[in-house]
Amino acid sequence: MKIQCCKGPSIGRFTPRKTAVLLFFSVILNAPPLVAQESTKAVKSDTAPDTSISGVVNSTEVSSAEQHAQSKVEPSAKKPDSKPAESAAAAGGQDQRIDMLGTDLTRNWKAFSSKPGLAFSDVWKLVSVENERHLICVGEPKGFLYSVQRFDNFELTFEWKYSSDPSGNSGVLVFTNEEPRLWPTSMQIQLHQPRAGSIFPSGDATSDSTTEATDLALEIGKWNTCRVIAIGGRVSVEINGKPAGEVSGCKPSIGSIALQSEGSETHFRRMFLKKLAATTEPVPSSEQTASALGDGVPVDSAKKPEQKPAEGE
């Protein structure tokens, strides 16, 4: 065979020695790529991994392990807990209550007395008893304490007791007009010991009915609870957890909250008011309330006995 030489147009023939040298370098230079290609083909064709490319196999295994771990972590990742938000909402609901016996009594309340010239604190005293605020009404002279703010739809809760008078007498007025007279226009919720829970209009107020409750108050010296709900001119009352009565068609249906001074030393505590929307908590009808009252039967709404038809009709 002939080969061209770099010094001329052609080169001389290869000698056996030259041929051996060229083959040697050809093998040295071409062997690594050929071996790598053959090894790669072997890996693809054989299911068992070759230890000569263990680095590649290991990286694939690591990648698969990472993906598997992520697939486990992502579905089990906890969603933000909604309970704290619900608890916050509930707490917010509690915060919406108005503490009617706040520290500054004269800022939130005004007083009317049948005896002019008396100071506010001569009749109404805010004291601290075991880190709790109590409002004490000395009972004389007669009059009432009324809130500066006016309310229409609300829930009012409080506790009261008489210190010693077996026929203790006081009351709570709702929808109270600011009038300088002993019996202002309002709806009165009786706290008189034997009739606590009775509801009736006072002054120039009117309602579709009145209620009469008896024997719902606890013995003298014990704390009683009262719950009043007013919505859309309807007023329902509970005394010590028992329904006392309900009236509707109250006019007026907005006004101040008032506490009466009626001759007996009366203690009040834990008085809170929560404003309500007109549709928040419907007040039961007179018939529904009457059926659960026992002695506290609505007077005007009481059903008349059915008359039997005369014979021959």
C-alpha atoms as a PDB file:
ATOM      1  CA  MET A   1       0.000   0.000   0.000  1.00  0.00           C
ATOM      2  CA  LYS A   2       1.175   3.481  -0.741  1.00  0.00           C
ATOM      3  CA  ILE A   3       0.853   6.514   1.530  1.00  0.00           C
ATOM      4  CA  GLN A   4       1.521  10.157   0.871  1.00  0.00           C
ATOM      5  CA  CYS A   5       4.363  11.809   2.749  1.00  0.00           C
ATOM      6  CA  CYS A   6       4.057  15.316   4.217  1.00  0.00           C
ATOM      7  CA  LYS A   7       7.152  16.373   2.268  1.00  0.00           C
ATOM      8  CA  GLY A   8       5.850  15.471  -1.123  1.00  0.00           C
ATOM      9  CA  PRO A   9       2.919  14.448  -3.118  1.00  0.00           C
ATOM     10  CA  SER A  10       3.287  10.861  -1.949  1.00  0.00           C
ATOM     11  CA  ILE A  11       4.964   8.788   0.717  1.00  0.00           C
ATOM     12  CA  GLY A  12       6.670   5.464   0.691  1.00  0.00           C
ATOM     13  CA  ARG A  13       5.268   2.118   1.609  1.00  0.00           C
ATOM     14  CA  PHE A  14       4.487   1.174   5.273  1.00  0.00           C
ATOM     15  CA  THR A  15       6.950  -1.162   6.817  1.00  0.00           C
ATOM     16  CA  PRO A  16       5.786  -3.768   9.296  1.00  0.00           C
ATOM     17  CA  ARG A  17       7.313  -1.754  12.099  1.00  0.00           C
ATOM     18  CA  LYS A  18       5.507   1.424  11.129  1.00  0.00           C
ATOM     19  CA  THR A  19       2.262  -0.477  10.797  1.00  0.00           C
ATOM     20  CA  ALA A  20       2.630  -1.946  14.275  1.00  0.00           C
ATOM     21  CA  VAL A  21       3.307   1.500  15.797  1.00  0.00           C
ATOM     22  CA  LEU A  22       0.261   3.022  14.096  1.00  0.00           C
ATOM     23  CA  LEU A  23      -1.976   0.167  15.245  1.00  0.00           C
ATOM     24  CA  PHE A  24      -0.704   0.522  18.796  1.00  0.00           C
ATOM     25  CA  PHE A  25      -1.545   4.231  18.968  1.00  0.00           C
ATOM     26  CA  SER A  26      -4.857   3.595  17.250  1.00  0.00           C
ATOM     27  CA  VAL A  27      -5.806   1.062  19.934  1.00  0.00           C
ATOM     28  CA  ILE A  28      -4.631   3.345  22.755  1.00  0.00           C
ATOM     29  CA  LEU A  29      -6.546   6.363  21.436  1.00  0.00           C
ATOM     30  CA  ASN A  30      -9.771   4.578  20.444  1.00  0.00           C
ATOM     31  CA  ALA A  31     -10.128   2.053  23.269  1.00  0.00           C
ATOM     32  CA  PRO A  32     -11.727   4.255  26.047  1.00  0.00           C
ATOM     33  CA  PRO A  33     -14.647   5.508  23.929  1.00  0.00           C
ATOM     34  CA  LEU A  34     -15.302   2.025  22.612  1.00  0.00           C
ATOM     35  CA  VAL A  35     -15.277   0.517  26.112  1.00  0.00           C
ATOM     36  CA  ALA A  36     -17.541   3.234  27.513  1.00  0.00           C
ATOM     37  CA  GLN A  37     -20.013   2.818  24.680  1.00  0.00           C
ATOM     38  CA  GLU A  38     -20.069  -0.941  25.109  1.00  0.00           C
ATOM     39  CA  SER A  39     -20.525  -0.578  28.887  1.00  0.00           C
ATOM     40  CA  THR A  40     -23.420   1.843  28.432  1.00  0.00           C
ATOM     41  CA  LYS A  41     -25.092  -0.541  25.966  1.00  0.00           C
ATOM     42  CA  ALA A  42     -24.614  -3.334  28.457  1.00  0.00           C
ATOM     43  CA  VAL A  43     -26.383  -1.310  31.167  1.00  0.00           C
ATOM     44  CA  LYS A  44     -29.333  -0.586  28.897  1.00  0.00           C
ATOM     45  CA  SER A  45     -29.684  -4.196  27.805  1.00  0.00           C
ATOM     46  CA  ASP A  46     -29.136  -5.796  31.206  1.00  0.00           C
ATOM     47  CA  THR A  47     -31.586  -5.263  34.090  1.00  0.00           C
ATOM     48  CA  ALA A  48     -28.925  -5.750  36.739  1.00  0.00           C
ATOM     49  CA  PRO A  49     -26.864  -2.579  37.282  1.00  0.00           C
ATOM     50  CA  ASP A  50     -23.200  -2.785  36.401  1.00  0.00           C
ATOM     51  CA  THR A  51     -20.864  -1.864  39.219  1.00  0.00           C
ATOM     52  CA  SER A  52     -18.673  -0.004  36.740  1.00  0.00           C
ATOM     53  CA  ILE A  53     -21.344   2.738  36.501  1.00  0.00           C
ATOM     54  CA  SER A  54     -22.537   2.546  40.094  1.00  0.00           C
ATOM     55  CA  GLY A  55     -22.323   6.340  40.316  1.00  0.00           C
ATOM     56  CA  VAL A  56     -25.029   6.741  37.666  1.00  0.00           C
ATOM     57  CA  VAL A  57     -27.258   4.119  39.270  1.00  0.00           C
ATOM     58  CA  ASN A  58     -26.902   5.659  42.716  1.00  0.00           C
ATOM     59  CA  SER A  59     -27.798   9.160  41.485  1.00  0.00           C
ATOM     60  CA  THR A  60     -30.945   7.722  39.879  1.00  0.00           C
ATOM     61  CA  GLU A  61     -31.850   5.952  43.104  1.00  0.00           C
ATOM     62  CA  VAL A  62     -31.318   9.146  45.124  1.00  0.00           C
ATOM     63  CA  SER A  63     -33.495  11.143  42.739  1.00  0.00           C
ATOM     64  CA  SER A  64     -36.268   8.533  43.000  1.00  0.00           C
ATOM     65  CA  ALA A  65     -35.951   8.494  46.781  1.00  0.00           C
ATOM     66  CA  GLU A  66     -36.258  12.294  46.926  1.00  0.00           C
ATOM     67  CA  GLN A  67     -39.375  12.238  44.745  1.00  0.00           C
ATOM     68  CA  HIS A  68     -40.878   9.507  46.914  1.00  0.00           C
ATOM     69  CA  ALA A  69     -40.143  11.477  50.061  1.00  0.00           C
ATOM     70  CA  GLN A  70     -41.701  14.617  48.599  1.00  0.00           C
ATOM     71  CA  SER A  71     -44.790  12.677  47.533  1.00  0.00           C
ATOM     72  CA  LYS A  72     -45.180  11.561  51.160  1.00  0.00           C
ATOM     73  CA  VAL A  73     -44.527  14.940  52.731  1.00  0.00           C
ATOM     74  CA  GLU A  74     -46.731  17.062  50.488  1.00  0.00           C
ATOM     75  CA  PRO A  75     -50.047  15.235  51.064  1.00  0.00           C
ATOM     76  CA  SER A  76     -49.416  15.026  54.799  1.00  0.00           C
ATOM     77  CA  ALA A  77     -48.475  18.674  55.106  1.00  0.00           C
ATOM     78  CA  LYS A  78     -50.865  20.149  57.688  1.00  0.00           C
ATOM     79  CA  LYS A  79     -53.220  22.845  56.568  1.00  0.00           C
ATOM     80  CA  PRO A  80     -53.438  25.969  58.696  1.00  0.00           C
ATOM     81  CA  ASP A  81     -55.523  25.176  61.766  1.00  0.00           C
ATOM     82  CA  SER A  82     -58.873  26.921  61.602  1.00  0.00           C
ATOM     83  CA  LYS A  83     -59.566  26.487  65.305  1.00  0.00           C
ATOM     84  CA  PRO A  84     -57.529  29.515  66.416  1.00  0.00           C
ATOM     85  CA  ALA A  85     -59.564  31.657  64.012  1.00  0.00           C
ATOM     86  CA  GLU A  86     -62.777  30.194  65.369  1.00  0.00           C
ATOM     87  CA  SER A  87     -61.590  30.769  68.912  1.00  0.00           C
ATOM     88  CA  ALA A  88     -60.679  34.330  68.013  1.00  0.00           C
ATOM     89  CA  ALA A  89     -64.129  34.845  66.529  1.00  0.00           C
ATOM     90  CA  ALA A  90     -65.694  33.467  69.672  1.00  0.00           C
ATOM     91  CA  ALA A  91     -63.496  35.712  71.788  1.00  0.00           C
ATOM     92  CA  GLY A  92     -64.466  38.597  69.578  1.00  0.00           C
ATOM     93  CA  GLY A  93     -68.098  37.721  70.249  1.00  0.00           C
ATOM     94  CA  GLN A  94     -67.431  37.962  73.970  1.00  0.00           C
ATOM     95  CA  ASP A  95     -65.628  41.264  73.517  1.00  0.00           C
ATOM     96  CA  GLN A  96     -68.720  42.691  71.818  1.00  0.00           C
ATOM     97  CA  ARG A  97     -70.559  42.586  75.135  1.00  0.00           C
ATOM     98  CA  ILE A  98     -70.865  45.890  76.943  1.00  0.00           C
ATOM     99  CA  ASP A  99     -69.951  45.844  80.616  1.00  0.00           C
ATOM    100  CA  MET A 100     -72.752  47.981  82.016  1.00  0.00           C
ATOM    101  CA  LEU A 101     -70.943  48.283  85.343  1.00  0.00           C
ATOM    102  CA  GLY A 102     -67.672  49.640  83.968  1.00  0.00           C
ATOM    103  CA  THR A 103     -65.257  51.521  86.147  1.00  0.00           C
ATOM    104  CA  ASP A 104     -66.598  54.964  85.205  1.00  0.00           C
ATOM    105  CA  LEU A 105     -70.229  54.684  86.293  1.00  0.00           C
ATOM    106  CA  THR A 106     -71.067  58.377  85.918  1.00  0.00           C
ATOM    107  CA  ARG A 107     -69.882  58.359  82.302  1.00  0.00           C
ATOM    108  CA  ASN A 108     -72.300  55.644  81.173  1.00  0.00           C
ATOM    109  CA  TRP A 109     -75.268  56.327  83.462  1.00  0.00           C
ATOM    110  CA  LYS A 110     -77.452  59.212  84.622  1.00  0.00           C
ATOM    111  CA  ALA A 111     -79.676  59.301  87.678  1.00  0.00           C
ATOM    112  CA  PHE A 112     -83.131  60.658  88.419  1.00  0.00           C
ATOM    113  CA  SER A 113     -84.236  61.057  92.014  1.00  0.00           C
ATOM    114  CA  SER A 114     -87.603  62.011  93.463  1.00  0.00           C
ATOM    115  CA  LYS A 115     -85.669  64.122  95.955  1.00  0.00           C
ATOM    116  CA  PRO A 116     -83.718  66.859  94.139  1.00  0.00           C
ATOM    117  CA  GLY A 117     -80.226  67.894  95.168  1.00  0.00           C
ATOM    118  CA  LEU A 118     -78.819  64.475  96.021  1.00  0.00           C
ATOM    119  CA  ALA A 119     -75.444  63.414  94.710  1.00  0.00           C
ATOM    120  CA  PHE A 120     -75.159  60.416  92.399  1.00  0.00           C
ATOM    121  CA  SER A 121     -73.277  58.389  94.995  1.00  0.00           C
ATOM    122  CA  ASP A 122     -75.866  59.050  97.704  1.00  0.00           C
ATOM    123  CA  VAL A 123     -78.122  56.421  96.139  1.00  0.00           C
ATOM    124  CA  TRP A 124     -75.948  54.427  93.737  1.00  0.00           C
ATOM    125  CA  LYS A 125     -72.581  53.047  94.862  1.00  0.00           C
ATOM    126  CA  LEU A 126     -70.123  51.028  92.788  1.00  0.00           C
ATOM    127  CA  VAL A 127     -67.971  48.862  95.076  1.00  0.00           C
ATOM    128  CA  SER A 128     -65.408  46.103  94.607  1.00  0.00           C
ATOM    129  CA  VAL A 129     -66.173  42.745  96.211  1.00  0.00           C
ATOM    130  CA  GLU A 130     -63.530  40.053  95.748  1.00  0.00           C
ATOM    131  CA  ASN A 131     -62.192  41.812  92.629  1.00  0.00           C
ATOM    132  CA  GLU A 132     -65.693  42.039  91.157  1.00  0.00           C
ATOM    133  CA  ARG A 133     -67.716  45.214  90.637  1.00  0.00           C
ATOM    134  CA  HIS A 134     -71.051  45.372  92.471  1.00  0.00           C
ATOM    135  CA  LEU A 135     -73.609  48.160  92.131  1.00  0.00           C
ATOM    136  CA  ILE A 136     -75.535  48.841  95.326  1.00  0.00           C
ATOM    137  CA  CYS A 137     -78.761  50.832  95.355  1.00  0.00           C
ATOM    138  CA  VAL A 138     -79.644  52.016  98.872  1.00  0.00           C
ATOM    139  CA  GLY A 139     -83.327  52.146  97.877  1.00  0.00           C
ATOM    140  CA  GLU A 140     -84.155  55.661  99.056  1.00  0.00           C
ATOM    141  CA  PRO A 141     -85.198  58.076  97.765  1.00  0.00           C
ATOM    142  CA  LYS A 142     -87.109  56.499  94.910  1.00  0.00           C
ATOM    143  CA  GLY A 143     -85.967  57.084  91.362  1.00  0.00           C
ATOM    144  CA  PHE A 144     -83.962  55.293  88.686  1.00  0.00           C
ATOM    145  CA  LEU A 145     -80.545  55.020  87.078  1.00  0.00           C
ATOM    146  CA  TYR A 146     -80.595  55.034  83.263  1.00  0.00           C
ATOM    147  CA  SER A 147     -77.978  54.425  80.592  1.00  0.00           C
ATOM    148  CA  VAL A 148     -76.714  57.240  78.414  1.00  0.00           C
ATOM    149  CA  GLN A 149     -76.804  54.963  75.373  1.00  0.00           C
ATOM    150  CA  ARG A 150     -80.120  53.848  73.871  1.00  0.00           C
ATOM    151  CA  PHE A 151     -80.789  50.302  72.658  1.00  0.00           C
ATOM    152  CA  ASP A 152     -83.422  48.524  70.548  1.00  0.00           C
ATOM    153  CA  ASN A 153     -82.319  44.927  69.782  1.00  0.00           C
ATOM    154  CA  PHE A 154     -80.210  43.466  72.563  1.00  0.00           C
ATOM    155  CA  GLU A 155     -79.571  40.740  75.114  1.00  0.00           C
ATOM    156  CA  LEU A 156     -79.171  41.914  78.707  1.00  0.00           C
ATOM    157  CA  THR A 157     -77.955  39.588  81.463  1.00  0.00           C
ATOM    158  CA  PHE A 158     -77.320  40.392  85.106  1.00  0.00           C
ATOM    159  CA  GLU A 159     -77.625  39.125  88.672  1.00  0.00           C
ATOM    160  CA  TRP A 160     -79.381  40.753  91.588  1.00  0.00           C
ATOM    161  CA  LYS A 161     -80.227  40.093  95.237  1.00  0.00           C
ATOM    162  CA  TYR A 162     -81.828  41.788  98.227  1.00  0.00           C
ATOM    163  CA  SER A 163     -79.728  41.968 101.345  1.00  0.00           C
ATOM    164  CA  SER A 164     -82.504  41.598 103.935  1.00  0.00           C
ATOM    165  CA  ASP A 165     -85.947  42.839 102.829  1.00  0.00           C
ATOM    166  CA  PRO A 166     -88.282  39.789 102.524  1.00  0.00           C
ATOM    167  CA  SER A 167     -90.465  41.788 100.145  1.00  0.00           C
ATOM    168  CA  GLY A 168     -87.575  43.347  98.242  1.00  0.00           C
ATOM    169  CA  ASN A 169     -88.645  45.599  95.409  1.00  0.00           C
ATOM    170  CA  SER A 170     -86.827  46.919  92.337  1.00  0.00           C
ATOM    171  CA  GLY A 171     -87.110  46.620  88.593  1.00  0.00           C
ATOM    172  CA  VAL A 172     -85.418  46.957  85.227  1.00  0.00           C
ATOM    173  CA  LEU A 173     -86.819  49.320  82.624  1.00  0.00           C
ATOM    174  CA  VAL A 174     -86.156  48.887  78.891  1.00  0.00           C
ATOM    175  CA  PHE A 175     -86.957  51.302  76.035  1.00  0.00           C
ATOM    176  CA  THR A 176     -86.854  54.064  78.676  1.00  0.00           C
ATOM    177  CA  ASN A 177     -87.505  57.670  77.649  1.00  0.00           C
ATOM    178  CA  GLU A 178     -85.469  60.364  79.348  1.00  0.00           C
ATOM    179  CA  GLU A 179     -88.247  61.930  81.407  1.00  0.00           C
ATOM    180  CA  PRO A 180     -87.914  63.699  84.778  1.00  0.00           C
ATOM    181  CA  ARG A 181     -90.677  61.711  86.493  1.00  0.00           C
ATOM    182  CA  LEU A 182     -90.813  58.705  88.799  1.00  0.00           C
ATOM    183  CA  TRP A 183     -92.511  56.384  86.272  1.00  0.00           C
ATOM    184  CA  PRO A 184     -90.972  57.192  82.889  1.00  0.00           C
ATOM    185  CA  THR A 185     -92.306  55.835  79.591  1.00  0.00           C
ATOM    186  CA  SER A 186     -90.750  52.360  79.353  1.00  0.00           C
ATOM    187  CA  MET A 187     -91.388  48.619  79.536  1.00  0.00           C
ATOM    188  CA  GLN A 188     -90.886  47.421  83.093  1.00  0.00           C
ATOM    189  CA  ILE A 189     -89.462  44.031  84.081  1.00  0.00           C
ATOM    190  CA  GLN A 190     -90.490  43.473  87.675  1.00  0.00           C
ATOM    191  CA  LEU A 191     -87.880  42.384  90.228  1.00  0.00           C
ATOM    192  CA  HIS A 192     -90.306  42.529  93.141  1.00  0.00           C
ATOM    193  CA  GLN A 193     -89.527  39.401  95.172  1.00  0.00           C
ATOM    194  CA  PRO A 194     -92.894  37.600  94.765  1.00  0.00           C
ATOM    195  CA  ARG A 195     -93.480  38.760  91.153  1.00  0.00           C
ATOM    196  CA  ALA A 196     -90.001  38.794  89.623  1.00  0.00           C
ATOM    197  CA  GLY A 197     -90.146  38.445  85.834  1.00  0.00           C
ATOM    198  CA  SER A 198     -93.535  40.115  85.232  1.00  0.00           C
ATOM    199  CA  ILE A 199     -93.563  42.495  82.231  1.00  0.00           C
ATOM    200  CA  PHE A 200     -95.838  45.484  81.695  1.00  0.00           C
ATOM    201  CA  PRO A 201     -95.752  49.016  80.214  1.00  0.00           C
ATOM    202  CA  SER A 202     -95.023  52.052  82.372  1.00  0.00           C
ATOM    203  CA  GLY A 203     -95.759  55.738  81.829  1.00  0.00           C
ATOM    204  CA  ASP A 204     -97.070  56.301  78.306  1.00  0.00           C
ATOM    205  CA  ALA A 205     -95.694  53.063  76.877  1.00  0.00           C
ATOM    206  CA  THR A 206     -97.997  50.455  75.340  1.00  0.00           C
ATOM    207  CA  SER A 207     -97.761  46.784  74.380  1.00  0.00           C
ATOM    208  CA  ASP A 208    -100.007  44.098  72.934  1.00  0.00           C
ATOM    209  CA  SER A 209    -100.024  42.193  76.226  1.00  0.00           C
ATOM    210  CA  THR A 210     -98.592  41.977  79.726  1.00  0.00           C
ATOM    211  CA  THR A 211     -97.317  38.998  81.734  1.00  0.00           C
ATOM    212  CA  GLU A 212     -97.607  37.982  85.362  1.00  0.00           C
ATOM    213  CA  ALA A 213     -94.940  35.736  86.905  1.00  0.00           C
ATOM    214  CA  THR A 214     -94.774  34.374  90.447  1.00  0.00           C
ATOM    215  CA  ASP A 215     -92.356  32.498  92.682  1.00  0.00           C
ATOM    216  CA  LEU A 216     -89.375  32.555  90.337  1.00  0.00           C
ATOM    217  CA  ALA A 217     -86.991  34.455  92.652  1.00  0.00           C
ATOM    218  CA  LEU A 218     -84.720  32.664  95.109  1.00  0.00           C
ATOM    219  CA  GLU A 219     -84.792  33.300  98.836  1.00  0.00           C
ATOM    220  CA  ILE A 220     -83.544  36.602 100.178  1.00  0.00           C
ATOM    221  CA  GLY A 221     -79.762  36.908 100.259  1.00  0.00           C
ATOM    222  CA  LYS A 222     -79.138  34.641  97.255  1.00  0.00           C
ATOM    223  CA  TRP A 223     -78.129  35.862  93.822  1.00  0.00           C
ATOM    224  CA  ASN A 224     -80.799  35.651  91.114  1.00  0.00           C
ATOM    225  CA  THR A 225     -80.111  35.688  87.377  1.00  0.00           C
ATOM    226  CA  CYS A 226     -82.102  37.602  84.786  1.00  0.00           C
ATOM    227  CA  ARG A 227     -81.911  37.408  80.994  1.00  0.00           C
ATOM    228  CA  VAL A 228     -83.777  39.872  78.790  1.00  0.00           C
ATOM    229  CA  ILE A 229     -83.992  39.647  74.995  1.00  0.00           C
ATOM    230  CA  ALA A 230     -85.489  42.496  73.013  1.00  0.00           C
ATOM    231  CA  ILE A 231     -85.944  42.220  69.247  1.00  0.00           C
ATOM    232  CA  GLY A 232     -88.239  44.266  67.051  1.00  0.00           C
ATOM    233  CA  GLY A 233     -90.444  45.496  69.893  1.00  0.00           C
ATOM    234  CA  ARG A 234     -90.803  42.029  71.471  1.00  0.00           C
ATOM    235  CA  VAL A 235     -89.388  41.395  74.939  1.00  0.00           C
ATOM    236  CA  SER A 236     -88.832  38.001  76.582  1.00  0.00           C
ATOM    237  CA  VAL A 237     -87.545  37.394  80.112  1.00  0.00           C
ATOM    238  CA  GLU A 238     -85.952  34.482  81.960  1.00  0.00           C
ATOM    239  CA  ILE A 239     -85.499  34.402  85.737  1.00  0.00           C
ATOM    240  CA  ASN A 240     -83.024  31.890  87.166  1.00  0.00           C
ATOM    241  CA  GLY A 241     -83.044  29.997  83.860  1.00  0.00           C
ATOM    242  CA  LYS A 242     -86.839  29.664  83.708  1.00  0.00           C
ATOM    243  CA  PRO A 243     -89.073  31.440  81.189  1.00  0.00           C
ATOM    244  CA  ALA A 244     -90.966  34.260  82.895  1.00  0.00           C
ATOM    245  CA  GLY A 245     -92.920  35.797  80.028  1.00  0.00           C
ATOM    246  CA  GLU A 246     -92.921  37.644  76.734  1.00  0.00           C
ATOM    247  CA  VAL A 247     -94.735  40.644  75.334  1.00  0.00           C
ATOM    248  CA  SER A 248     -94.884  42.084  71.821  1.00  0.00           C
ATOM    249  CA  GLY A 249     -95.875  45.315  70.127  1.00  0.00           C
ATOM    250  CA  CYS A 250     -93.901  47.458  72.563  1.00  0.00           C
ATOM    251  CA  LYS A 251     -94.056  51.195  71.915  1.00  0.00           C
ATOM    252  CA  PRO A 252     -91.558  52.723  72.166  1.00  0.00           C
ATOM    253  CA  SER A 253     -89.191  49.950  71.058  1.00  0.00           C
ATOM    254  CA  ILE A 254     -85.932  51.816  71.661  1.00  0.00           C
ATOM    255  CA  GLY A 255     -84.566  53.619  74.677  1.00  0.00           C
ATOM    256  CA  SER A 256     -82.271  53.461  77.693  1.00  0.00           C
ATOM    257  CA  ILE A 257     -81.777  50.629  80.161  1.00  0.00           C
ATOM    258  CA  ALA A 258     -82.830  51.725  83.652  1.00  0.00           C
ATOM    259  CA  LEU A 259     -82.581  50.292  87.189  1.00  0.00           C
ATOM    260  CA  GLN A 260     -85.158  51.293  89.775  1.00  0.00           C
ATOM    261  CA  SER A 261     -84.709  52.513  93.310  1.00  0.00           C
ATOM    262  CA  GLU A 262     -87.943  51.411  95.020  1.00  0.00           C
ATOM    263  CA  GLY A 263     -87.350  51.315  98.739  1.00  0.00           C
ATOM    264  CA  SER A 264     -85.167  48.208  99.129  1.00  0.00           C
ATOM    265  CA  GLU A 265     -81.406  47.887  99.230  1.00  0.00           C
ATOM    266  CA  THR A 266     -80.630  46.036  95.998  1.00  0.00           C
ATOM    267  CA  HIS A 267     -77.327  44.626  94.799  1.00  0.00           C
ATOM    268  CA  PHE A 268     -76.474  44.154  91.104  1.00  0.00           C
ATOM    269  CA  ARG A 269     -73.481  42.454  89.488  1.00  0.00           C
ATOM    270  CA  ARG A 270     -72.264  40.864  86.227  1.00  0.00           C
ATOM    271  CA  MET A 271     -74.415  43.100  84.079  1.00  0.00           C
ATOM    272  CA  PHE A 272     -73.622  42.729  80.375  1.00  0.00           C
ATOM    273  CA  LEU A 273     -75.436  43.881  77.258  1.00  0.00           C
ATOM    274  CA  LYS A 274     -74.921  42.524  73.752  1.00  0.00           C
ATOM    275  CA  LYS A 275     -76.399  44.238  70.723  1.00  0.00           C
ATOM    276  CA  LEU A 276     -78.345  41.956  68.393  1.00  0.00           C
ATOM    277  CA  ALA A 277     -79.470  42.106  64.793  1.00  0.00           C
ATOM    278  CA  ALA A 278     -83.220  42.033  64.249  1.00  0.00           C
ATOM    279  CA  THR A 279     -83.001  38.418  62.996  1.00  0.00           C
ATOM    280  CA  THR A 280     -80.329  37.129  65.389  1.00  0.00           C
ATOM    281  CA  GLU A 281     -82.529  35.339  67.906  1.00  0.00           C
ATOM    282  CA  PRO A 282     -86.280  35.354  67.366  1.00  0.00           C
ATOM    283  CA  VAL A 283     -88.312  35.743  70.521  1.00  0.00           C
ATOM    284  CA  PRO A 284     -90.849  32.919  70.994  1.00  0.00           C
ATOM    285  CA  SER A 285     -94.490  33.720  70.505  1.00  0.00           C
ATOM    286  CA  SER A 286     -96.805  34.394  73.431  1.00  0.00           C
ATOM    287  CA  GLU A 287     -98.419  30.967  73.093  1.00  0.00           C
ATOM    288  CA  GLN A 288     -95.039  29.195  73.081  1.00  0.00           C
ATOM    289  CA  THR A 289     -93.868  31.131  76.108  1.00  0.00           C
ATOM    290  CA  ALA A 290     -97.139  30.626  77.998  1.00  0.00           C
ATOM    291  CA  SER A 291     -96.991  26.853  77.532  1.00  0.00           C
ATOM    292  CA  ALA A 292     -93.645  26.726  79.363  1.00  0.00           C
ATOM    293  CA  LEU A 293     -94.372  29.265  82.085  1.00  0.00           C
ATOM    294  CA  GLY A 294     -96.464  27.512  84.690  1.00  0.00           C
ATOM    295  CA  ASP A 295     -97.661  30.412  86.808  1.00  0.00           C
ATOM    296  CA  GLY A 296     -96.192  33.068  84.527  1.00  0.00           C
ATOM    297  CA  VAL A 297     -99.062  33.254  82.030  1.00  0.00           C
ATOM    298  CA  PRO A 298     -99.524  36.253  79.726  1.00  0.00           C
ATOM    299  CA  VAL A 299    -102.533  38.108  81.093  1.00  0.00           C
ATOM    300  CA  ASP A 300    -103.950  39.742  77.985  1.00  0.00           C
ATOM    301  CA  SER A 301    -103.078  36.879  75.637  1.00  0.00           C
ATOM    302  CA  ALA A 302    -104.514  34.089  77.793  1.00  0.00           C
ATOM    303  CA  LYS A 303    -106.924  31.968  75.767  1.00  0.00           C
ATOM    304  CA  LYS A 304    -110.565  32.131  76.694  1.00  0.00           C
ATOM    305  CA  PRO A 305    -112.422  28.860  77.352  1.00  0.00           C
ATOM    306  CA  GLU A 306    -114.171  27.532  74.293  1.00  0.00           C
ATOM    307  CA  GLN A 307    -117.929  27.887  74.407  1.00  0.00           C
ATOM    308  CA  LYS A 308    -119.936  24.713  73.747  1.00  0.00           C
ATOM    309  CA  PRO A 309    -122.613  25.056  71.047  1.00  0.00           C
ATOM    310  CA  ALA A 310    -126.164  25.248  72.375  1.00  0.00           C
ATOM    311  CA  GLU A 311    -128.255  22.120  72.028  1.00  0.00           C
ATOM    312  CA  GLY A 312    -130.081  21.899  68.772  1.00  0.00           C
ATOM    313  CA  GLU A 313    -127.551  23.995  66.830  1.00  0.00           C
END
